[in-house]
N, C-alpha and C. Protein backbone atom coordinates (compact mmCIF):
# COMPACT_ATOMS: atom_id res chain seq x y z
N MET A 1 0.85 -1.19 0.00
CA MET A 1 0.00 0.00 0.00
C MET A 1 0.88 1.23 0.00
N SER A 2 0.51 2.25 -0.81
CA SER A 2 1.26 3.50 -0.81
C SER A 2 0.88 4.31 0.42
N SER A 3 1.53 5.43 0.62
CA SER A 3 1.33 6.25 1.81
C SER A 3 -0.13 6.65 1.99
N ALA A 4 -0.53 6.75 3.23
CA ALA A 4 -1.88 7.18 3.55
C ALA A 4 -2.01 8.68 3.31
N TYR A 5 -3.22 9.13 3.06
CA TYR A 5 -3.50 10.54 2.84
C TYR A 5 -4.00 11.16 4.14
N GLU A 6 -3.90 12.48 4.22
CA GLU A 6 -4.33 13.23 5.40
C GLU A 6 -5.48 14.15 5.02
N ASN A 7 -6.14 14.72 6.05
CA ASN A 7 -7.18 15.72 5.80
C ASN A 7 -6.61 16.81 4.90
N GLY A 8 -7.39 17.21 3.91
CA GLY A 8 -6.96 18.25 2.99
C GLY A 8 -6.36 17.72 1.70
N ALA A 9 -6.06 16.43 1.65
CA ALA A 9 -5.53 15.84 0.41
C ALA A 9 -6.64 15.82 -0.64
N VAL A 10 -6.25 15.97 -1.88
CA VAL A 10 -7.18 15.89 -3.01
C VAL A 10 -6.64 14.81 -3.95
N PHE A 11 -7.54 13.90 -4.33
CA PHE A 11 -7.12 12.84 -5.25
C PHE A 11 -8.25 12.46 -6.19
N TRP A 12 -7.86 11.76 -7.24
CA TRP A 12 -8.83 11.21 -8.18
C TRP A 12 -9.21 9.81 -7.72
N ALA A 13 -10.51 9.53 -7.76
CA ALA A 13 -11.02 8.20 -7.42
C ALA A 13 -12.39 8.05 -8.09
N PRO A 14 -12.83 6.82 -8.29
CA PRO A 14 -14.15 6.61 -8.90
C PRO A 14 -15.26 7.27 -8.08
N ASP A 15 -16.31 7.63 -8.78
CA ASP A 15 -17.50 8.20 -8.15
C ASP A 15 -18.43 7.04 -7.82
N PRO A 16 -18.63 6.71 -6.54
CA PRO A 16 -19.48 5.56 -6.20
C PRO A 16 -20.95 5.77 -6.52
N PHE A 17 -21.32 7.00 -6.87
CA PHE A 17 -22.72 7.30 -7.17
C PHE A 17 -23.04 7.18 -8.65
N ARG A 18 -22.02 6.95 -9.48
CA ARG A 18 -22.22 6.84 -10.93
C ARG A 18 -21.48 5.61 -11.44
N GLN A 19 -22.21 4.59 -11.80
CA GLN A 19 -21.61 3.37 -12.32
C GLN A 19 -20.94 3.64 -13.66
N GLY A 20 -19.70 3.16 -13.82
CA GLY A 20 -19.00 3.27 -15.08
C GLY A 20 -18.52 4.67 -15.42
N SER A 21 -18.56 5.59 -14.47
CA SER A 21 -18.14 6.96 -14.77
C SER A 21 -16.63 7.10 -14.62
N ASN A 22 -16.13 8.16 -15.17
CA ASN A 22 -14.72 8.49 -15.00
C ASN A 22 -14.47 8.89 -13.55
N PRO A 23 -13.23 8.80 -13.11
CA PRO A 23 -12.92 9.26 -11.74
C PRO A 23 -13.23 10.74 -11.58
N ARG A 24 -13.46 11.14 -10.36
CA ARG A 24 -13.67 12.54 -10.04
C ARG A 24 -12.71 12.93 -8.93
N LEU A 25 -12.57 14.21 -8.70
CA LEU A 25 -11.74 14.68 -7.60
C LEU A 25 -12.49 14.59 -6.29
N TRP A 26 -11.78 14.18 -5.24
CA TRP A 26 -12.32 14.09 -3.89
C TRP A 26 -11.41 14.82 -2.93
N LEU A 27 -12.00 15.49 -1.95
CA LEU A 27 -11.29 16.19 -0.89
C LEU A 27 -11.43 15.38 0.39
N VAL A 28 -10.31 15.01 1.01
CA VAL A 28 -10.35 14.25 2.25
C VAL A 28 -10.76 15.17 3.40
N LEU A 29 -11.89 14.82 4.03
CA LEU A 29 -12.36 15.55 5.21
C LEU A 29 -11.90 14.88 6.49
N VAL A 30 -11.91 13.54 6.49
CA VAL A 30 -11.53 12.77 7.68
C VAL A 30 -10.64 11.61 7.22
N ALA A 31 -9.49 11.49 7.88
CA ALA A 31 -8.55 10.42 7.51
C ALA A 31 -8.19 9.55 8.71
N ASP A 32 -7.73 10.15 9.78
CA ASP A 32 -7.15 9.39 10.89
C ASP A 32 -8.15 8.83 11.89
N SER A 33 -9.31 9.46 12.05
CA SER A 33 -10.21 9.04 13.13
C SER A 33 -11.24 8.00 12.69
N LEU A 34 -10.99 7.34 11.58
CA LEU A 34 -11.88 6.28 11.12
C LEU A 34 -11.42 4.93 11.67
N PRO A 35 -12.29 3.92 11.63
CA PRO A 35 -11.90 2.61 12.14
C PRO A 35 -10.70 1.99 11.42
N TYR A 36 -10.49 2.34 10.16
CA TYR A 36 -9.39 1.76 9.39
C TYR A 36 -8.54 2.89 8.78
N PRO A 37 -7.80 3.62 9.61
CA PRO A 37 -6.99 4.73 9.08
C PRO A 37 -6.00 4.23 8.04
N GLY A 38 -5.83 5.03 6.99
CA GLY A 38 -4.93 4.66 5.91
C GLY A 38 -5.54 3.72 4.89
N GLN A 39 -6.72 3.19 5.20
CA GLN A 39 -7.39 2.28 4.27
C GLN A 39 -8.65 2.89 3.66
N GLU A 40 -9.21 3.91 4.33
CA GLU A 40 -10.40 4.58 3.80
C GLU A 40 -10.46 6.00 4.34
N TYR A 41 -11.23 6.85 3.62
CA TYR A 41 -11.30 8.26 3.93
C TYR A 41 -12.73 8.75 3.72
N ILE A 42 -13.20 9.65 4.56
CA ILE A 42 -14.46 10.32 4.31
C ILE A 42 -14.13 11.56 3.49
N CYS A 43 -14.75 11.65 2.31
CA CYS A 43 -14.40 12.69 1.36
C CYS A 43 -15.64 13.45 0.88
N ALA A 44 -15.41 14.67 0.44
CA ALA A 44 -16.43 15.48 -0.23
C ALA A 44 -16.02 15.63 -1.69
N ALA A 45 -17.01 15.66 -2.56
CA ALA A 45 -16.75 15.75 -3.99
C ALA A 45 -16.28 17.14 -4.39
N LEU A 46 -15.34 17.17 -5.31
CA LEU A 46 -14.95 18.42 -5.97
C LEU A 46 -15.50 18.39 -7.39
N THR A 47 -15.82 19.57 -7.90
CA THR A 47 -16.43 19.69 -9.21
C THR A 47 -16.00 20.99 -9.86
N THR A 48 -16.31 21.13 -11.14
CA THR A 48 -16.09 22.42 -11.82
C THR A 48 -17.43 23.14 -12.00
N SER A 49 -18.50 22.60 -11.44
CA SER A 49 -19.83 23.21 -11.55
C SER A 49 -19.99 24.31 -10.51
N ASP A 50 -20.35 25.48 -11.00
CA ASP A 50 -20.55 26.64 -10.13
C ASP A 50 -22.01 26.71 -9.70
N LEU A 51 -22.41 25.78 -8.84
CA LEU A 51 -23.77 25.76 -8.32
C LEU A 51 -23.85 26.64 -7.07
N PRO A 52 -25.02 27.19 -6.77
CA PRO A 52 -25.12 28.13 -5.64
C PRO A 52 -24.63 27.59 -4.29
N ALA A 53 -24.81 26.30 -4.01
CA ALA A 53 -24.40 25.75 -2.71
C ALA A 53 -22.97 25.24 -2.69
N ASN A 54 -22.29 25.25 -3.84
CA ASN A 54 -20.89 24.83 -3.89
C ASN A 54 -19.98 25.92 -3.35
N HIS A 55 -18.81 25.53 -2.91
CA HIS A 55 -17.84 26.47 -2.35
C HIS A 55 -16.58 26.45 -3.21
N GLU A 56 -16.20 27.62 -3.72
CA GLU A 56 -15.01 27.73 -4.55
C GLU A 56 -13.76 27.50 -3.70
N VAL A 57 -12.87 26.66 -4.19
CA VAL A 57 -11.61 26.41 -3.47
C VAL A 57 -10.72 27.65 -3.58
N GLY A 58 -10.60 28.22 -4.75
CA GLY A 58 -9.87 29.47 -4.95
C GLY A 58 -8.45 29.45 -4.40
N SER A 59 -8.13 30.43 -3.59
CA SER A 59 -6.77 30.58 -3.05
C SER A 59 -6.46 29.58 -1.94
N ASP A 60 -7.41 28.72 -1.60
CA ASP A 60 -7.16 27.71 -0.57
C ASP A 60 -6.40 26.50 -1.10
N TRP A 61 -6.11 26.47 -2.40
CA TRP A 61 -5.24 25.43 -2.93
C TRP A 61 -3.83 25.65 -2.40
N ILE A 62 -3.22 24.62 -1.85
CA ILE A 62 -1.81 24.67 -1.47
C ILE A 62 -0.98 24.16 -2.64
N SER A 63 -1.43 23.07 -3.25
CA SER A 63 -0.77 22.51 -4.42
C SER A 63 -1.81 21.74 -5.23
N GLY A 64 -1.54 21.57 -6.53
CA GLY A 64 -2.39 20.76 -7.38
C GLY A 64 -3.46 21.52 -8.13
N ASN A 65 -3.52 22.83 -8.00
CA ASN A 65 -4.53 23.61 -8.69
C ASN A 65 -4.27 23.63 -10.19
N ASP A 66 -5.32 23.44 -10.97
CA ASP A 66 -5.24 23.60 -12.43
C ASP A 66 -5.73 25.01 -12.72
N PRO A 67 -4.83 25.94 -13.06
CA PRO A 67 -5.25 27.34 -13.25
C PRO A 67 -6.26 27.54 -14.38
N ALA A 68 -6.41 26.56 -15.26
CA ALA A 68 -7.37 26.67 -16.35
C ALA A 68 -8.79 26.32 -15.90
N LYS A 69 -8.94 25.79 -14.69
CA LYS A 69 -10.25 25.37 -14.19
C LYS A 69 -10.47 25.92 -12.79
N THR A 70 -11.72 26.20 -12.47
CA THR A 70 -12.08 26.61 -11.12
C THR A 70 -12.72 25.42 -10.43
N SER A 71 -12.21 25.09 -9.25
CA SER A 71 -12.72 23.94 -8.49
C SER A 71 -13.67 24.41 -7.40
N TYR A 72 -14.72 23.62 -7.19
CA TYR A 72 -15.71 23.87 -6.15
C TYR A 72 -15.90 22.60 -5.35
N CYS A 73 -16.24 22.76 -4.08
CA CYS A 73 -16.52 21.61 -3.22
C CYS A 73 -18.02 21.54 -2.97
N SER A 74 -18.56 20.32 -3.05
CA SER A 74 -19.97 20.06 -2.75
C SER A 74 -20.02 19.32 -1.42
N PRO A 75 -20.17 20.03 -0.29
CA PRO A 75 -20.08 19.38 1.01
C PRO A 75 -21.24 18.45 1.36
N TRP A 76 -22.24 18.37 0.52
CA TRP A 76 -23.34 17.44 0.74
C TRP A 76 -23.14 16.15 -0.05
N VAL A 77 -22.14 16.12 -0.93
CA VAL A 77 -21.82 14.91 -1.70
C VAL A 77 -20.61 14.27 -1.02
N VAL A 78 -20.88 13.37 -0.08
CA VAL A 78 -19.81 12.73 0.68
C VAL A 78 -19.83 11.23 0.45
N ALA A 79 -18.65 10.65 0.56
CA ALA A 79 -18.51 9.20 0.36
C ALA A 79 -17.30 8.72 1.13
N THR A 80 -17.31 7.44 1.46
CA THR A 80 -16.13 6.79 2.00
C THR A 80 -15.38 6.21 0.82
N ILE A 81 -14.16 6.70 0.61
CA ILE A 81 -13.34 6.25 -0.51
C ILE A 81 -12.26 5.32 0.03
N LYS A 82 -12.17 4.15 -0.54
CA LYS A 82 -11.14 3.17 -0.15
C LYS A 82 -9.79 3.58 -0.73
N HIS A 83 -8.74 3.37 0.03
CA HIS A 83 -7.39 3.71 -0.41
C HIS A 83 -7.04 3.00 -1.72
N ARG A 84 -7.45 1.76 -1.84
CA ARG A 84 -7.12 0.99 -3.04
C ARG A 84 -7.83 1.51 -4.28
N ALA A 85 -8.86 2.36 -4.12
CA ALA A 85 -9.60 2.90 -5.26
C ALA A 85 -9.00 4.19 -5.80
N ILE A 86 -8.07 4.77 -5.08
CA ILE A 86 -7.49 6.05 -5.50
C ILE A 86 -6.67 5.85 -6.76
N VAL A 87 -6.95 6.69 -7.75
CA VAL A 87 -6.29 6.58 -9.04
C VAL A 87 -5.01 7.41 -9.06
N ASN A 88 -5.07 8.62 -8.53
CA ASN A 88 -3.93 9.52 -8.64
C ASN A 88 -4.08 10.67 -7.66
N PRO A 89 -3.04 11.01 -6.91
CA PRO A 89 -3.12 12.20 -6.05
C PRO A 89 -3.11 13.45 -6.92
N GLN A 90 -3.80 14.48 -6.46
CA GLN A 90 -3.90 15.72 -7.23
C GLN A 90 -3.22 16.88 -6.51
N GLY A 91 -3.38 16.97 -5.18
CA GLY A 91 -2.82 18.10 -4.46
C GLY A 91 -3.32 18.18 -3.04
N GLU A 92 -3.46 19.43 -2.58
CA GLU A 92 -3.80 19.66 -1.17
C GLU A 92 -4.43 21.04 -1.04
N VAL A 93 -5.37 21.15 -0.10
CA VAL A 93 -5.99 22.45 0.22
C VAL A 93 -5.72 22.78 1.68
N THR A 94 -6.01 24.02 2.06
CA THR A 94 -5.72 24.49 3.41
C THR A 94 -6.60 23.82 4.46
N THR A 95 -6.09 23.80 5.67
CA THR A 95 -6.85 23.27 6.82
C THR A 95 -8.11 24.09 7.03
N GLY A 96 -8.02 25.40 6.84
CA GLY A 96 -9.19 26.26 7.02
C GLY A 96 -10.32 25.89 6.08
N PHE A 97 -10.00 25.59 4.82
CA PHE A 97 -11.03 25.19 3.85
C PHE A 97 -11.63 23.85 4.25
N VAL A 98 -10.79 22.91 4.68
CA VAL A 98 -11.29 21.60 5.12
C VAL A 98 -12.23 21.78 6.31
N ASP A 99 -11.83 22.58 7.27
CA ASP A 99 -12.67 22.81 8.46
C ASP A 99 -14.02 23.42 8.06
N GLN A 100 -13.99 24.36 7.11
CA GLN A 100 -15.24 24.97 6.64
C GLN A 100 -16.13 23.92 5.98
N MET A 101 -15.55 23.02 5.17
CA MET A 101 -16.35 22.00 4.49
C MET A 101 -16.90 20.98 5.49
N ILE A 102 -16.13 20.66 6.53
CA ILE A 102 -16.63 19.76 7.58
C ILE A 102 -17.83 20.40 8.27
N ALA A 103 -17.73 21.68 8.60
CA ALA A 103 -18.84 22.39 9.25
C ALA A 103 -20.07 22.42 8.35
N GLU A 104 -19.86 22.66 7.05
CA GLU A 104 -20.98 22.66 6.10
C GLU A 104 -21.62 21.27 6.02
N CYS A 105 -20.80 20.25 5.97
CA CYS A 105 -21.29 18.88 5.91
C CYS A 105 -22.10 18.55 7.17
N GLU A 106 -21.57 18.90 8.31
CA GLU A 106 -22.28 18.66 9.58
C GLU A 106 -23.62 19.38 9.61
N ALA A 107 -23.69 20.57 9.02
CA ALA A 107 -24.94 21.32 9.01
C ALA A 107 -26.03 20.56 8.25
N TYR A 108 -25.66 19.82 7.21
CA TYR A 108 -26.65 19.01 6.50
C TYR A 108 -27.17 17.89 7.38
N PHE A 109 -26.32 17.31 8.22
CA PHE A 109 -26.75 16.26 9.12
C PHE A 109 -27.63 16.80 10.24
N ASP A 110 -27.38 18.03 10.65
CA ASP A 110 -28.12 18.64 11.75
C ASP A 110 -29.46 19.20 11.31
N SER A 111 -29.70 19.34 10.00
CA SER A 111 -30.96 19.94 9.53
C SER A 111 -32.11 19.00 9.66
């Protein structure tokens, strides 16, 4: 197994909600506090769709930003991604952005 990812990592992995689809970008929200750390991650979907409830990553990219595209996070589209399903690492975003997406995700559970 390759190195485990941490909160804030961004990688390509299959979309479990779309059979036969191309991989999509995922943002790791939770890595270490799961029952199987290093083997699975709770992630939020990243997209290039500028929908009203999406959050632009913008200057919160630390590495891996494609300047030709604007990335947005959909904090209501969450999935557990297995480490073995990761296709390719993409980069990393700031802790502040991750914390904001966790809070947004939690708000959907609290509603």
